[in-house]
Amino acid sequence: MTETMNVSSKRMKVILLGDSDVGKTSLLTRFSQGYFHICYQMIIPEYSNKDVDVSGVKVKLQIWDTAGQGRYRVIRKGYYRDVAGIVIVFDLTSKSSFDNI
């Protein structure tokens, strides 16, 4: 839903966490833009906005796709501030991607 947000709308920050190559960017692209972007490697954190209706309340989600490489784990700490939700993503075929959560 891409309606204009009204006065009663809420803004919520959500972050995606997980190792690199587990599909965070693909999930974000599919949810926010409606298609899968294949063969995309994240270099720096980025975000996408998505307006949704939750029980009649307009919610503007700001979804942050954090880079999954280990060297970015320190950067991630700043993204936890004011977060309303976290989506933890791992690869079912990779036990280490689950263990690293």
C-alpha atoms as a PDB file:
ATOM      1  CA  MET A   1       0.000   0.000   0.000  1.00  0.00           C
ATOM      2  CA  THR A   2       1.475   3.339  -0.988  1.00  0.00           C
ATOM      3  CA  GLU A   3      -1.103   5.761   0.375  1.00  0.00           C
ATOM      4  CA  THR A   4      -0.007   9.126   1.701  1.00  0.00           C
ATOM      5  CA  MET A   5       0.618   8.985   5.435  1.00  0.00           C
ATOM      6  CA  ASN A   6      -1.853  10.932   7.572  1.00  0.00           C
ATOM      7  CA  VAL A   7      -1.609  12.589  10.990  1.00  0.00           C
ATOM      8  CA  SER A   8      -2.450   9.342  12.810  1.00  0.00           C
ATOM      9  CA  SER A   9       0.397   7.481  11.143  1.00  0.00           C
ATOM     10  CA  LYS A  10       3.331   5.977  13.008  1.00  0.00           C
ATOM     11  CA  ARG A  11       6.937   5.588  11.992  1.00  0.00           C
ATOM     12  CA  MET A  12       8.809   2.449  12.947  1.00  0.00           C
ATOM     13  CA  LYS A  13      12.423   1.509  12.365  1.00  0.00           C
ATOM     14  CA  VAL A  14      13.094  -2.166  11.636  1.00  0.00           C
ATOM     15  CA  ILE A  15      16.501  -3.719  11.008  1.00  0.00           C
ATOM     16  CA  LEU A  16      17.539  -6.891   9.221  1.00  0.00           C
ATOM     17  CA  LEU A  17      20.386  -8.787  10.859  1.00  0.00           C
ATOM     18  CA  GLY A  18      22.328 -11.839   9.743  1.00  0.00           C
ATOM     19  CA  ASP A  19      25.475 -13.005   8.025  1.00  0.00           C
ATOM     20  CA  SER A  20      26.317 -11.950   4.503  1.00  0.00           C
ATOM     21  CA  ASP A  21      24.744 -14.002   1.717  1.00  0.00           C
ATOM     22  CA  VAL A  22      21.726 -15.142   3.735  1.00  0.00           C
ATOM     23  CA  GLY A  23      19.216 -13.097   1.712  1.00  0.00           C
ATOM     24  CA  LYS A  24      18.610  -9.911   3.709  1.00  0.00           C
ATOM     25  CA  THR A  25      18.796  -7.635   0.670  1.00  0.00           C
ATOM     26  CA  SER A  26      16.617  -9.978  -1.380  1.00  0.00           C
ATOM     27  CA  LEU A  27      13.953 -10.015   1.343  1.00  0.00           C
ATOM     28  CA  LEU A  28      14.040  -6.226   1.658  1.00  0.00           C
ATOM     29  CA  THR A  29      13.804  -5.684  -2.092  1.00  0.00           C
ATOM     30  CA  ARG A  30      10.937  -8.171  -2.418  1.00  0.00           C
ATOM     31  CA  PHE A  31       8.975  -6.643   0.465  1.00  0.00           C
ATOM     32  CA  SER A  32       9.538  -2.969  -0.337  1.00  0.00           C
ATOM     33  CA  GLN A  33       9.674  -3.005  -4.154  1.00  0.00           C
ATOM     34  CA  GLY A  34       7.831  -6.187  -5.098  1.00  0.00           C
ATOM     35  CA  TYR A  35      10.590  -8.089  -6.895  1.00  0.00           C
ATOM     36  CA  PHE A  36      13.684 -10.141  -6.109  1.00  0.00           C
ATOM     37  CA  HIS A  37      17.069  -8.671  -6.950  1.00  0.00           C
ATOM     38  CA  ILE A  38      19.420 -11.566  -7.581  1.00  0.00           C
ATOM     39  CA  CYS A  39      23.238 -11.514  -7.254  1.00  0.00           C
ATOM     40  CA  TYR A  40      23.464  -8.354  -5.187  1.00  0.00           C
ATOM     41  CA  GLN A  41      26.123  -8.007  -2.513  1.00  0.00           C
ATOM     42  CA  MET A  42      25.681  -5.411   0.172  1.00  0.00           C
ATOM     43  CA  ILE A  43      28.670  -3.171   0.850  1.00  0.00           C
ATOM     44  CA  ILE A  44      27.258  -0.549   3.226  1.00  0.00           C
ATOM     45  CA  PRO A  45      24.026  -0.415   5.236  1.00  0.00           C
ATOM     46  CA  GLU A  46      21.047   1.053   3.396  1.00  0.00           C
ATOM     47  CA  TYR A  47      17.341   1.340   4.031  1.00  0.00           C
ATOM     48  CA  SER A  48      14.001   1.311   2.281  1.00  0.00           C
ATOM     49  CA  ASN A  49      10.652   2.771   3.282  1.00  0.00           C
ATOM     50  CA  LYS A  50       7.374   0.892   3.079  1.00  0.00           C
ATOM     51  CA  ASP A  51       3.941   2.182   4.079  1.00  0.00           C
ATOM     52  CA  VAL A  52       1.694  -0.511   5.529  1.00  0.00           C
ATOM     53  CA  ASP A  53      -1.730  -0.644   7.147  1.00  0.00           C
ATOM     54  CA  VAL A  54      -1.821  -2.384  10.531  1.00  0.00           C
ATOM     55  CA  SER A  55      -5.356  -2.786  11.872  1.00  0.00           C
ATOM     56  CA  GLY A  56      -6.418   0.508  10.315  1.00  0.00           C
ATOM     57  CA  VAL A  57      -3.338   2.443  11.427  1.00  0.00           C
ATOM     58  CA  LYS A  58      -0.938   3.680   8.780  1.00  0.00           C
ATOM     59  CA  VAL A  59       2.617   2.660   9.642  1.00  0.00           C
ATOM     60  CA  LYS A  60       5.674   3.913   7.791  1.00  0.00           C
ATOM     61  CA  LEU A  61       8.359   1.260   8.114  1.00  0.00           C
ATOM     62  CA  GLN A  62      11.956   2.313   7.668  1.00  0.00           C
ATOM     63  CA  ILE A  63      13.705  -1.015   7.093  1.00  0.00           C
ATOM     64  CA  TRP A  64      17.481  -1.028   7.439  1.00  0.00           C
ATOM     65  CA  ASP A  65      19.497  -3.687   5.634  1.00  0.00           C
ATOM     66  CA  THR A  66      22.726  -3.974   7.599  1.00  0.00           C
ATOM     67  CA  ALA A  67      25.810  -5.327   5.918  1.00  0.00           C
ATOM     68  CA  GLY A  68      26.400  -8.892   7.074  1.00  0.00           C
ATOM     69  CA  GLN A  69      30.186  -9.020   6.914  1.00  0.00           C
ATOM     70  CA  GLY A  70      31.935  -9.270  10.272  1.00  0.00           C
ATOM     71  CA  ARG A  71      33.792  -5.999   9.806  1.00  0.00           C
ATOM     72  CA  TYR A  72      30.450  -4.141   9.946  1.00  0.00           C
ATOM     73  CA  ARG A  73      29.317  -5.560  13.304  1.00  0.00           C
ATOM     74  CA  VAL A  74      30.579  -2.496  15.156  1.00  0.00           C
ATOM     75  CA  ILE A  75      28.644  -0.195  12.819  1.00  0.00           C
ATOM     76  CA  ARG A  76      25.440  -2.103  13.515  1.00  0.00           C
ATOM     77  CA  LYS A  77      25.307  -1.037  17.160  1.00  0.00           C
ATOM     78  CA  GLY A  78      24.225   2.467  16.136  1.00  0.00           C
ATOM     79  CA  TYR A  79      21.301   1.064  14.199  1.00  0.00           C
ATOM     80  CA  TYR A  80      19.763  -0.511  17.322  1.00  0.00           C
ATOM     81  CA  ARG A  81      18.778   2.939  18.622  1.00  0.00           C
ATOM     82  CA  ASP A  82      15.012   3.574  18.369  1.00  0.00           C
ATOM     83  CA  VAL A  83      14.386   0.193  16.718  1.00  0.00           C
ATOM     84  CA  ALA A  84      10.815  -1.125  16.866  1.00  0.00           C
ATOM     85  CA  GLY A  85      11.676  -4.533  15.437  1.00  0.00           C
ATOM     86  CA  ILE A  86      14.446  -6.823  14.292  1.00  0.00           C
ATOM     87  CA  VAL A  87      14.224  -9.439  11.553  1.00  0.00           C
ATOM     88  CA  ILE A  88      16.861 -12.103  12.045  1.00  0.00           C
ATOM     89  CA  VAL A  89      17.803 -13.801   8.782  1.00  0.00           C
ATOM     90  CA  PHE A  90      19.841 -16.977   8.430  1.00  0.00           C
ATOM     91  CA  ASP A  91      20.416 -19.657   5.819  1.00  0.00           C
ATOM     92  CA  LEU A  92      18.763 -22.991   6.639  1.00  0.00           C
ATOM     93  CA  THR A  93      21.577 -24.779   4.788  1.00  0.00           C
ATOM     94  CA  SER A  94      24.312 -23.052   6.824  1.00  0.00           C
ATOM     95  CA  LYS A  95      24.519 -23.912  10.522  1.00  0.00           C
ATOM     96  CA  SER A  96      27.188 -21.241  11.016  1.00  0.00           C
ATOM     97  CA  SER A  97      24.799 -18.512   9.804  1.00  0.00           C
ATOM     98  CA  PHE A  98      22.403 -19.596  12.582  1.00  0.00           C
ATOM     99  CA  ASP A  99      25.178 -19.923  15.186  1.00  0.00           C
ATOM    100  CA  ASN A 100      26.412 -16.389  14.378  1.00  0.00           C
ATOM    101  CA  ILE A 101      23.066 -14.889  15.309  1.00  0.00           C
END
